[in-house]
Amino acid sequence: MSDATGVAVCGTCPRRCRIENGRFGACRARRAEGGRVVAANYGRIASAALDPVEKKPLAFFRPGSFVLSVGSYGCNLRCPFCQNDGISQHGGDEVACRTATPAELAGLAERLREERGNIGIAYTYNEPLVGWEFVRDCAREVRARGMANILVSNGCASGEVVAELAPLVDAANIDIKGPSQEYYDWVGGDFASVCRTVETLHAAGCHVEATTLVVPGRNDKDADMDAIAAFIASVSPDIPLHVTRFFPRWRMADASPTPVATIRRLADVARGRLRRVLAGNCP
C-alpha cells in the first residue's frame, strides 16, 4: 500500500519501511513498484543444499531425515554477529543467484525424496520472511506433493504474514535472540513480534523449536536465559530450546567464542522451566 504522499509502505515486518518508487526497504529484498511493495528476491535462490534436519536445528521433527534447504538474500535485522552475512546482509546485485519457480523447486524436492529420502523444503539461510510470498507459493506446491515445509526464521514479521503462512508450515525453528526489546534494539528487531510468531505457529499446530545464540556480554546472564525460557514455557514447556554457542563472525569477528561452560550453565537455567533443552555448537 502507499501513504498520502505516494510512498509505498511495507507491511511485511514491524519496521514498516516507507519506500520511494524503485528503491528498497531495509531488508534489501523488498522494492517499491508503482505504489506497492513487492519481493524483489522472489524466485531467486542464493543457496541450496540437502541437509540433515538436525542442522536447522530441529531435534524432535523427523529425526534422521534430510531436507532440501533453500535461501535467497536479504534480512530485516542487522545482527552484528550474523552467521550468514554473505547473503543475508546484501542485496540482489551483490549475491549470485539462480532462478526457480515454486513448481520447479517443489519438483526438485520431490525428485530428491525418491533419490535421497528428502522430506520437503526448509526455508532458511537468509531471513525467508522478507520474501514470504515465495515461501507461501512454494509451501503450497510442497504440501500438494505430500511433503513437509520447514521455516527457519528470526520471527520478526507482521501478524498478517505469519497468520497466512502458519497453516502451511509443518515445523519451524524461531530465533529468540534475547530476552527484551532492549536486546532487540541492538539487532534492529521487535521482540513482541517474535513472541507473537512463536505463539501463532504453535497455535496453528506447527511443531516449533527455538534457538538462542548466546553472545558474551550481551545475553549470557542467568536472568536473560530465565526470561527467554519463561516466555517459551508460557506458550508450552514442551517447546525445545537450543542454547547455542556464538563464534566470531561479520562485525564481531574479533570477539571470543562463548565459553562452553556458559552454554552448559544457561542450558541448566532453561531446564528449570522447559522439558527439552539442548546445548548447541558444543564439543
C-alpha atoms as a PDB file:
ATOM      1  CA  MET A   1       0.000   0.000   0.000  1.00  0.00           C
ATOM      2  CA  SER A   2       1.052   3.651  -0.267  1.00  0.00           C
ATOM      3  CA  ASP A   3       0.550   6.615   2.031  1.00  0.00           C
ATOM      4  CA  ALA A   4      -0.830  10.070   1.186  1.00  0.00           C
ATOM      5  CA  THR A   5       2.494  11.115  -0.364  1.00  0.00           C
ATOM      6  CA  GLY A   6       2.532   8.137  -2.738  1.00  0.00           C
ATOM      7  CA  VAL A   7       5.421   6.495  -0.901  1.00  0.00           C
ATOM      8  CA  ALA A   8       4.871   2.749  -0.540  1.00  0.00           C
ATOM      9  CA  VAL A   9       4.635   1.343   2.998  1.00  0.00           C
ATOM     10  CA  CYS A  10       5.820  -2.229   3.520  1.00  0.00           C
ATOM     11  CA  GLY A  11       3.727  -4.272   5.921  1.00  0.00           C
ATOM     12  CA  THR A  12       5.926  -7.370   5.983  1.00  0.00           C
ATOM     13  CA  CYS A  13       7.617  -6.639   9.294  1.00  0.00           C
ATOM     14  CA  PRO A  14       7.408  -4.148  12.174  1.00  0.00           C
ATOM     15  CA  ARG A  15       9.891  -1.802  10.514  1.00  0.00           C
ATOM     16  CA  ARG A  16       7.092  -0.699   8.161  1.00  0.00           C
ATOM     17  CA  CYS A  17       9.610   0.817   5.758  1.00  0.00           C
ATOM     18  CA  ARG A  18       8.424   3.791   3.713  1.00  0.00           C
ATOM     19  CA  ILE A  19       9.954   3.168   0.292  1.00  0.00           C
ATOM     20  CA  GLU A  20      10.153   5.527  -2.665  1.00  0.00           C
ATOM     21  CA  ASN A  21       9.418   4.064  -6.095  1.00  0.00           C
ATOM     22  CA  GLY A  22      12.315   1.962  -7.370  1.00  0.00           C
ATOM     23  CA  ARG A  23      14.048   1.848  -4.014  1.00  0.00           C
ATOM     24  CA  PHE A  24      14.448  -0.937  -1.466  1.00  0.00           C
ATOM     25  CA  GLY A  25      13.453  -1.379   2.153  1.00  0.00           C
ATOM     26  CA  ALA A  26      15.892  -2.057   4.969  1.00  0.00           C
ATOM     27  CA  CYS A  27      15.909  -5.777   4.170  1.00  0.00           C
ATOM     28  CA  ARG A  28      17.295  -5.096   0.660  1.00  0.00           C
ATOM     29  CA  ALA A  29      14.849  -7.694  -0.673  1.00  0.00           C
ATOM     30  CA  ARG A  30      11.613  -5.687  -0.981  1.00  0.00           C
ATOM     31  CA  ARG A  31      11.204  -2.890  -3.531  1.00  0.00           C
ATOM     32  CA  ALA A  32       8.555  -0.281  -4.249  1.00  0.00           C
ATOM     33  CA  GLU A  33       6.968  -0.526  -7.692  1.00  0.00           C
ATOM     34  CA  GLY A  34       4.037   1.641  -8.747  1.00  0.00           C
ATOM     35  CA  GLY A  35       2.956   2.478  -5.213  1.00  0.00           C
ATOM     36  CA  ARG A  36       3.162  -1.069  -3.843  1.00  0.00           C
ATOM     37  CA  VAL A  37       5.906  -3.187  -2.326  1.00  0.00           C
ATOM     38  CA  VAL A  38       6.995  -6.407  -3.999  1.00  0.00           C
ATOM     39  CA  ALA A  39       9.518  -9.129  -3.169  1.00  0.00           C
ATOM     40  CA  ALA A  40      12.448  -8.426  -5.465  1.00  0.00           C
ATOM     41  CA  ASN A  41      14.028 -11.704  -4.346  1.00  0.00           C
ATOM     42  CA  TYR A  42      11.018 -13.798  -5.453  1.00  0.00           C
ATOM     43  CA  GLY A  43      12.292 -16.994  -7.065  1.00  0.00           C
ATOM     44  CA  ARG A  44      15.948 -16.076  -6.618  1.00  0.00           C
ATOM     45  CA  ILE A  45      17.911 -18.840  -4.935  1.00  0.00           C
ATOM     46  CA  ALA A  46      21.297 -17.958  -3.460  1.00  0.00           C
ATOM     47  CA  SER A  47      21.937 -21.235  -1.665  1.00  0.00           C
ATOM     48  CA  ALA A  48      20.520 -24.756  -1.761  1.00  0.00           C
ATOM     49  CA  ALA A  49      21.661 -27.973  -0.109  1.00  0.00           C
ATOM     50  CA  LEU A  50      20.305 -31.270   1.145  1.00  0.00           C
ATOM     51  CA  ASP A  51      20.838 -31.049   4.908  1.00  0.00           C
ATOM     52  CA  PRO A  52      20.159 -33.262   7.902  1.00  0.00           C
ATOM     53  CA  VAL A  53      17.028 -31.895   9.561  1.00  0.00           C
ATOM     54  CA  GLU A  54      19.026 -31.615  12.786  1.00  0.00           C
ATOM     55  CA  LYS A  55      21.065 -28.832  11.150  1.00  0.00           C
ATOM     56  CA  LYS A  56      18.089 -26.457  11.037  1.00  0.00           C
ATOM     57  CA  PRO A  57      18.236 -27.108  14.041  1.00  0.00           C
ATOM     58  CA  LEU A  58      15.267 -29.393  14.674  1.00  0.00           C
ATOM     59  CA  ALA A  59      15.871 -32.130  17.211  1.00  0.00           C
ATOM     60  CA  PHE A  60      12.360 -33.545  17.507  1.00  0.00           C
ATOM     61  CA  PHE A  61      10.894 -33.352  13.995  1.00  0.00           C
ATOM     62  CA  ARG A  62      11.538 -36.352  11.739  1.00  0.00           C
ATOM     63  CA  PRO A  63      14.990 -37.018  13.287  1.00  0.00           C
ATOM     64  CA  GLY A  64      17.455 -38.709  10.971  1.00  0.00           C
ATOM     65  CA  SER A  65      15.788 -37.214   7.877  1.00  0.00           C
ATOM     66  CA  PHE A  66      17.178 -34.953   5.167  1.00  0.00           C
ATOM     67  CA  VAL A  67      15.533 -31.779   3.898  1.00  0.00           C
ATOM     68  CA  LEU A  68      16.174 -29.580   0.869  1.00  0.00           C
ATOM     69  CA  SER A  69      17.309 -26.275   2.364  1.00  0.00           C
ATOM     70  CA  VAL A  70      16.951 -23.151   0.243  1.00  0.00           C
ATOM     71  CA  GLY A  71      17.695 -19.489   0.820  1.00  0.00           C
ATOM     72  CA  SER A  72      17.658 -16.220  -1.059  1.00  0.00           C
ATOM     73  CA  TYR A  73      19.152 -12.885   0.021  1.00  0.00           C
ATOM     74  CA  GLY A  74      18.217 -10.143   2.457  1.00  0.00           C
ATOM     75  CA  CYS A  75      17.251  -9.808   6.112  1.00  0.00           C
ATOM     76  CA  ASN A  76      15.308  -7.281   8.150  1.00  0.00           C
ATOM     77  CA  LEU A  77      17.697  -7.489  11.124  1.00  0.00           C
ATOM     78  CA  ARG A  78      21.283  -6.278  11.469  1.00  0.00           C
ATOM     79  CA  CYS A  79      22.740  -8.692  13.990  1.00  0.00           C
ATOM     80  CA  PRO A  80      26.452  -7.776  14.202  1.00  0.00           C
ATOM     81  CA  PHE A  81      27.216 -11.470  14.787  1.00  0.00           C
ATOM     82  CA  CYS A  82      25.319 -12.677  11.669  1.00  0.00           C
ATOM     83  CA  GLN A  83      26.359 -16.209  10.727  1.00  0.00           C
ATOM     84  CA  ASN A  84      25.192 -15.900   7.085  1.00  0.00           C
ATOM     85  CA  ASP A  85      26.120 -12.287   6.311  1.00  0.00           C
ATOM     86  CA  GLY A  86      27.322 -13.213   2.822  1.00  0.00           C
ATOM     87  CA  ILE A  87      23.707 -13.498   1.661  1.00  0.00           C
ATOM     88  CA  SER A  88      21.552 -12.033   4.412  1.00  0.00           C
ATOM     89  CA  GLN A  89      23.274  -8.652   4.645  1.00  0.00           C
ATOM     90  CA  HIS A  90      23.447  -7.968   0.906  1.00  0.00           C
ATOM     91  CA  GLY A  91      21.108  -7.080  -1.925  1.00  0.00           C
ATOM     92  CA  GLY A  92      20.396  -8.893  -5.156  1.00  0.00           C
ATOM     93  CA  ASP A  93      23.094  -7.099  -7.126  1.00  0.00           C
ATOM     94  CA  GLU A  94      25.715  -8.398  -4.680  1.00  0.00           C
ATOM     95  CA  VAL A  95      24.665 -12.042  -4.398  1.00  0.00           C
ATOM     96  CA  ALA A  96      24.938 -14.704  -7.091  1.00  0.00           C
ATOM     97  CA  CYS A  97      21.519 -16.310  -7.558  1.00  0.00           C
ATOM     98  CA  ARG A  98      19.782 -18.755  -9.835  1.00  0.00           C
ATOM     99  CA  THR A  99      16.055 -18.557 -10.507  1.00  0.00           C
ATOM    100  CA  ALA A 100      13.359 -21.126  -9.839  1.00  0.00           C
ATOM    101  CA  THR A 101       9.584 -21.179  -9.837  1.00  0.00           C
ATOM    102  CA  PRO A 102       7.732 -22.659  -6.871  1.00  0.00           C
ATOM    103  CA  ALA A 103       6.711 -25.644  -9.021  1.00  0.00           C
ATOM    104  CA  GLU A 104      10.308 -26.225 -10.121  1.00  0.00           C
ATOM    105  CA  LEU A 105      11.596 -26.098  -6.562  1.00  0.00           C
ATOM    106  CA  ALA A 106       8.878 -28.424  -5.286  1.00  0.00           C
ATOM    107  CA  GLY A 107       9.590 -30.755  -8.204  1.00  0.00           C
ATOM    108  CA  LEU A 108      13.258 -30.887  -7.184  1.00  0.00           C
ATOM    109  CA  ALA A 109      12.222 -31.667  -3.628  1.00  0.00           C
ATOM    110  CA  GLU A 110      10.043 -34.497  -4.918  1.00  0.00           C
ATOM    111  CA  ARG A 111      12.851 -35.973  -7.014  1.00  0.00           C
ATOM    112  CA  LEU A 112      15.152 -35.828  -4.009  1.00  0.00           C
ATOM    113  CA  ARG A 113      12.509 -37.673  -2.000  1.00  0.00           C
ATOM    114  CA  GLU A 114      12.775 -40.560  -4.426  1.00  0.00           C
ATOM    115  CA  GLU A 115      16.578 -40.420  -4.678  1.00  0.00           C
ATOM    116  CA  ARG A 116      17.692 -39.389  -1.183  1.00  0.00           C
ATOM    117  CA  GLY A 117      14.697 -39.616   1.128  1.00  0.00           C
ATOM    118  CA  ASN A 118      14.143 -35.855   1.256  1.00  0.00           C
ATOM    119  CA  ILE A 119      11.136 -34.892   3.404  1.00  0.00           C
ATOM    120  CA  GLY A 120      10.419 -31.432   1.922  1.00  0.00           C
ATOM    121  CA  ILE A 121      11.816 -27.909   1.854  1.00  0.00           C
ATOM    122  CA  ALA A 122      13.365 -25.796   4.614  1.00  0.00           C
ATOM    123  CA  TYR A 123      13.263 -22.036   4.022  1.00  0.00           C
ATOM    124  CA  THR A 124      16.470 -20.890   5.657  1.00  0.00           C
ATOM    125  CA  TYR A 125      19.984 -19.343   5.342  1.00  0.00           C
ATOM    126  CA  ASN A 126      18.807 -15.738   4.896  1.00  0.00           C
ATOM    127  CA  GLU A 127      15.597 -14.453   6.509  1.00  0.00           C
ATOM    128  CA  PRO A 128      12.879 -16.211   4.489  1.00  0.00           C
ATOM    129  CA  LEU A 129      10.013 -13.967   5.605  1.00  0.00           C
ATOM    130  CA  VAL A 130      11.369 -10.930   3.739  1.00  0.00           C
ATOM    131  CA  GLY A 131      10.297 -12.928   0.686  1.00  0.00           C
ATOM    132  CA  TRP A 132       7.274 -14.539   2.307  1.00  0.00           C
ATOM    133  CA  GLU A 133       5.246 -14.669  -0.912  1.00  0.00           C
ATOM    134  CA  PHE A 134       7.723 -17.127  -2.421  1.00  0.00           C
ATOM    135  CA  VAL A 135       7.677 -19.189   0.776  1.00  0.00           C
ATOM    136  CA  ARG A 136       3.854 -19.272   0.592  1.00  0.00           C
ATOM    137  CA  ASP A 137       3.749 -20.291  -3.062  1.00  0.00           C
ATOM    138  CA  CYS A 138       6.438 -22.949  -2.648  1.00  0.00           C
ATOM    139  CA  ALA A 139       4.796 -24.263   0.503  1.00  0.00           C
ATOM    140  CA  ARG A 140       1.532 -24.799  -1.350  1.00  0.00           C
ATOM    141  CA  GLU A 141       3.323 -26.778  -4.053  1.00  0.00           C
ATOM    142  CA  VAL A 142       5.247 -28.817  -1.479  1.00  0.00           C
ATOM    143  CA  ARG A 143       2.109 -29.545   0.543  1.00  0.00           C
ATOM    144  CA  ALA A 144       0.319 -30.702  -2.630  1.00  0.00           C
ATOM    145  CA  ARG A 145       3.088 -33.281  -3.082  1.00  0.00           C
ATOM    146  CA  GLY A 146       2.607 -34.619   0.444  1.00  0.00           C
ATOM    147  CA  MET A 147       5.876 -33.209   1.724  1.00  0.00           C
ATOM    148  CA  ALA A 148       6.850 -31.027   4.681  1.00  0.00           C
ATOM    149  CA  ASN A 149       7.561 -27.297   4.938  1.00  0.00           C
ATOM    150  CA  ILE A 150      10.106 -26.093   7.494  1.00  0.00           C
ATOM    151  CA  LEU A 151      10.596 -22.430   8.383  1.00  0.00           C
ATOM    152  CA  VAL A 152      13.861 -21.207   9.933  1.00  0.00           C
ATOM    153  CA  SER A 153      13.303 -17.573  10.817  1.00  0.00           C
ATOM    154  CA  ASN A 154      14.067 -14.686  13.142  1.00  0.00           C
ATOM    155  CA  GLY A 155      10.298 -14.441  13.614  1.00  0.00           C
ATOM    156  CA  CYS A 156      10.304 -10.673  13.198  1.00  0.00           C
ATOM    157  CA  ALA A 157       7.309 -10.348  10.877  1.00  0.00           C
ATOM    158  CA  SER A 158       3.847  -8.866  10.854  1.00  0.00           C
ATOM    159  CA  GLY A 159       0.999 -10.865  12.333  1.00  0.00           C
ATOM    160  CA  GLU A 160      -0.732 -10.974   8.960  1.00  0.00           C
ATOM    161  CA  VAL A 161       2.263 -12.569   7.231  1.00  0.00           C
ATOM    162  CA  VAL A 162       2.715 -15.221   9.910  1.00  0.00           C
ATOM    163  CA  ALA A 163      -1.007 -15.985  10.047  1.00  0.00           C
ATOM    164  CA  GLU A 164      -1.090 -16.601   6.289  1.00  0.00           C
ATOM    165  CA  LEU A 165       1.897 -18.935   6.374  1.00  0.00           C
ATOM    166  CA  ALA A 166       1.144 -20.790   9.612  1.00  0.00           C
ATOM    167  CA  PRO A 167      -1.304 -23.348   8.133  1.00  0.00           C
ATOM    168  CA  LEU A 168       1.322 -24.317   5.535  1.00  0.00           C
ATOM    169  CA  VAL A 169       4.270 -24.771   7.913  1.00  0.00           C
ATOM    170  CA  ASP A 170       4.833 -28.190   9.455  1.00  0.00           C
ATOM    171  CA  ALA A 171       7.855 -27.311  11.585  1.00  0.00           C
ATOM    172  CA  ALA A 172       9.754 -24.161  12.491  1.00  0.00           C
ATOM    173  CA  ASN A 173      12.813 -23.063  14.368  1.00  0.00           C
ATOM    174  CA  ILE A 174      12.471 -19.464  15.529  1.00  0.00           C
ATOM    175  CA  ASP A 175      15.416 -17.450  16.813  1.00  0.00           C
ATOM    176  CA  ILE A 176      14.695 -15.823  20.149  1.00  0.00           C
ATOM    177  CA  LYS A 177      17.777 -13.675  20.169  1.00  0.00           C
ATOM    178  CA  GLY A 178      17.384 -12.017  23.533  1.00  0.00           C
ATOM    179  CA  PRO A 179      15.013 -11.508  26.458  1.00  0.00           C
ATOM    180  CA  SER A 180      13.742  -7.984  25.843  1.00  0.00           C
ATOM    181  CA  GLN A 181      13.146  -5.109  23.452  1.00  0.00           C
ATOM    182  CA  GLU A 182      16.376  -3.579  24.714  1.00  0.00           C
ATOM    183  CA  TYR A 183      18.275  -6.520  23.223  1.00  0.00           C
ATOM    184  CA  TYR A 184      16.286  -6.309  20.010  1.00  0.00           C
ATOM    185  CA  ASP A 185      17.123  -2.616  19.692  1.00  0.00           C
ATOM    186  CA  TRP A 186      20.747  -3.753  19.351  1.00  0.00           C
ATOM    187  CA  VAL A 187      19.961  -6.101  16.446  1.00  0.00           C
ATOM    188  CA  GLY A 188      17.283  -3.921  14.818  1.00  0.00           C
ATOM    189  CA  GLY A 189      14.236  -6.039  15.581  1.00  0.00           C
ATOM    190  CA  ASP A 190      10.983  -6.185  17.511  1.00  0.00           C
ATOM    191  CA  PHE A 191      10.725  -8.544  20.480  1.00  0.00           C
ATOM    192  CA  ALA A 192       6.917  -8.535  20.661  1.00  0.00           C
ATOM    193  CA  SER A 193       6.541  -9.672  17.060  1.00  0.00           C
ATOM    194  CA  VAL A 194       8.923 -12.597  17.636  1.00  0.00           C
ATOM    195  CA  CYS A 195       6.881 -13.713  20.644  1.00  0.00           C
ATOM    196  CA  ARG A 196       3.691 -13.431  18.588  1.00  0.00           C
ATOM    197  CA  THR A 197       5.221 -15.539  15.801  1.00  0.00           C
ATOM    198  CA  VAL A 198       6.016 -18.357  18.216  1.00  0.00           C
ATOM    199  CA  GLU A 199       2.508 -18.180  19.670  1.00  0.00           C
ATOM    200  CA  THR A 200       0.809 -18.132  16.247  1.00  0.00           C
ATOM    201  CA  LEU A 201       2.782 -21.058  14.824  1.00  0.00           C
ATOM    202  CA  HIS A 202       2.257 -23.160  17.932  1.00  0.00           C
ATOM    203  CA  ALA A 203      -1.481 -22.408  17.994  1.00  0.00           C
ATOM    204  CA  ALA A 204      -1.714 -23.497  14.338  1.00  0.00           C
ATOM    205  CA  GLY A 205      -0.354 -26.941  15.217  1.00  0.00           C
ATOM    206  CA  CYS A 206       3.127 -26.356  13.825  1.00  0.00           C
ATOM    207  CA  HIS A 207       5.999 -28.177  15.521  1.00  0.00           C
ATOM    208  CA  VAL A 208       8.016 -25.290  16.993  1.00  0.00           C
ATOM    209  CA  GLU A 209      11.565 -25.274  18.324  1.00  0.00           C
ATOM    210  CA  ALA A 210      13.522 -22.177  19.366  1.00  0.00           C
ATOM    211  CA  THR A 211      17.169 -21.158  19.291  1.00  0.00           C
ATOM    212  CA  THR A 212      19.043 -18.603  21.362  1.00  0.00           C
ATOM    213  CA  LEU A 213      22.577 -17.744  20.283  1.00  0.00           C
ATOM    214  CA  VAL A 214      24.444 -16.762  23.441  1.00  0.00           C
ATOM    215  CA  VAL A 215      26.672 -13.745  22.770  1.00  0.00           C
ATOM    216  CA  PRO A 216      29.232 -12.994  25.505  1.00  0.00           C
ATOM    217  CA  GLY A 217      28.437  -9.794  27.362  1.00  0.00           C
ATOM    218  CA  ARG A 218      25.041  -9.393  25.682  1.00  0.00           C
ATOM    219  CA  ASN A 219      22.630 -12.155  26.691  1.00  0.00           C
ATOM    220  CA  ASP A 220      24.754 -14.508  28.799  1.00  0.00           C
ATOM    221  CA  LYS A 221      23.348 -13.794  32.262  1.00  0.00           C
ATOM    222  CA  ASP A 222      21.207 -16.323  34.091  1.00  0.00           C
ATOM    223  CA  ALA A 223      18.384 -13.771  34.221  1.00  0.00           C
ATOM    224  CA  ASP A 224      18.497 -13.390  30.424  1.00  0.00           C
ATOM    225  CA  MET A 225      18.053 -17.097  29.842  1.00  0.00           C
ATOM    226  CA  ASP A 226      15.433 -17.437  32.551  1.00  0.00           C
ATOM    227  CA  ALA A 227      13.348 -14.692  30.899  1.00  0.00           C
ATOM    228  CA  ILE A 228      13.591 -16.388  27.489  1.00  0.00           C
ATOM    229  CA  ALA A 229      12.676 -19.763  28.955  1.00  0.00           C
ATOM    230  CA  ALA A 230       9.783 -18.216  30.891  1.00  0.00           C
ATOM    231  CA  PHE A 231       8.267 -16.841  27.696  1.00  0.00           C
ATOM    232  CA  ILE A 232       8.645 -20.156  25.866  1.00  0.00           C
ATOM    233  CA  ALA A 233       7.129 -22.025  28.812  1.00  0.00           C
ATOM    234  CA  SER A 234       4.151 -19.651  28.747  1.00  0.00           C
ATOM    235  CA  VAL A 235       3.424 -20.977  25.246  1.00  0.00           C
ATOM    236  CA  SER A 236       4.359 -24.579  26.059  1.00  0.00           C
ATOM    237  CA  PRO A 237       7.065 -26.076  28.293  1.00  0.00           C
ATOM    238  CA  ASP A 238       7.408 -28.818  25.671  1.00  0.00           C
ATOM    239  CA  ILE A 239       8.860 -26.442  23.043  1.00  0.00           C
ATOM    240  CA  PRO A 240      12.527 -27.437  22.636  1.00  0.00           C
ATOM    241  CA  LEU A 241      15.143 -24.711  23.129  1.00  0.00           C
ATOM    242  CA  HIS A 242      18.601 -24.850  21.539  1.00  0.00           C
ATOM    243  CA  VAL A 243      21.044 -22.831  23.649  1.00  0.00           C
ATOM    244  CA  THR A 244      23.769 -22.219  21.113  1.00  0.00           C
ATOM    245  CA  ARG A 245      27.389 -21.120  21.230  1.00  0.00           C
ATOM    246  CA  PHE A 246      28.468 -17.952  19.414  1.00  0.00           C
ATOM    247  CA  PHE A 247      31.508 -17.960  17.134  1.00  0.00           C
ATOM    248  CA  PRO A 248      33.116 -14.762  15.787  1.00  0.00           C
ATOM    249  CA  ARG A 249      31.570 -13.562  12.530  1.00  0.00           C
ATOM    250  CA  TRP A 250      30.884 -10.416  10.487  1.00  0.00           C
ATOM    251  CA  ARG A 251      31.129  -7.274  12.643  1.00  0.00           C
ATOM    252  CA  MET A 252      32.121  -9.302  15.686  1.00  0.00           C
ATOM    253  CA  ALA A 253      34.967 -11.157  14.005  1.00  0.00           C
ATOM    254  CA  ASP A 254      37.368 -10.099  16.770  1.00  0.00           C
ATOM    255  CA  ALA A 255      35.179 -11.334  19.619  1.00  0.00           C
ATOM    256  CA  SER A 256      35.807 -14.535  21.545  1.00  0.00           C
ATOM    257  CA  PRO A 257      33.578 -17.600  21.234  1.00  0.00           C
ATOM    258  CA  THR A 258      31.102 -18.265  24.005  1.00  0.00           C
ATOM    259  CA  PRO A 259      32.722 -20.473  26.651  1.00  0.00           C
ATOM    260  CA  VAL A 260      31.288 -23.981  26.660  1.00  0.00           C
ATOM    261  CA  ALA A 261      30.785 -23.707  30.413  1.00  0.00           C
ATOM    262  CA  THR A 262      28.485 -20.706  29.844  1.00  0.00           C
ATOM    263  CA  ILE A 263      26.300 -22.672  27.433  1.00  0.00           C
ATOM    264  CA  ARG A 264      26.007 -25.595  29.812  1.00  0.00           C
ATOM    265  CA  ARG A 265      25.165 -23.288  32.722  1.00  0.00           C
ATOM    266  CA  LEU A 266      22.490 -21.431  30.781  1.00  0.00           C
ATOM    267  CA  ALA A 267      21.030 -24.678  29.460  1.00  0.00           C
ATOM    268  CA  ASP A 268      20.599 -25.762  33.066  1.00  0.00           C
ATOM    269  CA  VAL A 269      18.862 -22.458  33.835  1.00  0.00           C
ATOM    270  CA  ALA A 270      16.441 -23.041  30.952  1.00  0.00           C
ATOM    271  CA  ARG A 271      15.751 -26.575  32.196  1.00  0.00           C
ATOM    272  CA  GLY A 272      14.226 -25.009  35.260  1.00  0.00           C
ATOM    273  CA  ARG A 273      11.237 -24.082  33.049  1.00  0.00           C
ATOM    274  CA  LEU A 274      11.450 -26.240  29.909  1.00  0.00           C
ATOM    275  CA  ARG A 275      11.400 -30.004  29.417  1.00  0.00           C
ATOM    276  CA  ARG A 276      13.659 -30.170  26.339  1.00  0.00           C
ATOM    277  CA  VAL A 277      16.819 -28.027  26.281  1.00  0.00           C
ATOM    278  CA  LEU A 278      19.826 -28.736  24.076  1.00  0.00           C
ATOM    279  CA  ALA A 279      23.340 -27.272  24.152  1.00  0.00           C
ATOM    280  CA  GLY A 280      24.357 -26.339  20.586  1.00  0.00           C
ATOM    281  CA  ASN A 281      27.766 -25.932  18.932  1.00  0.00           C
ATOM    282  CA  CYS A 282      29.496 -27.515  21.927  1.00  0.00           C
ATOM    283  CA  PRO A 283      32.142 -30.257  21.704  1.00  0.00           C
END
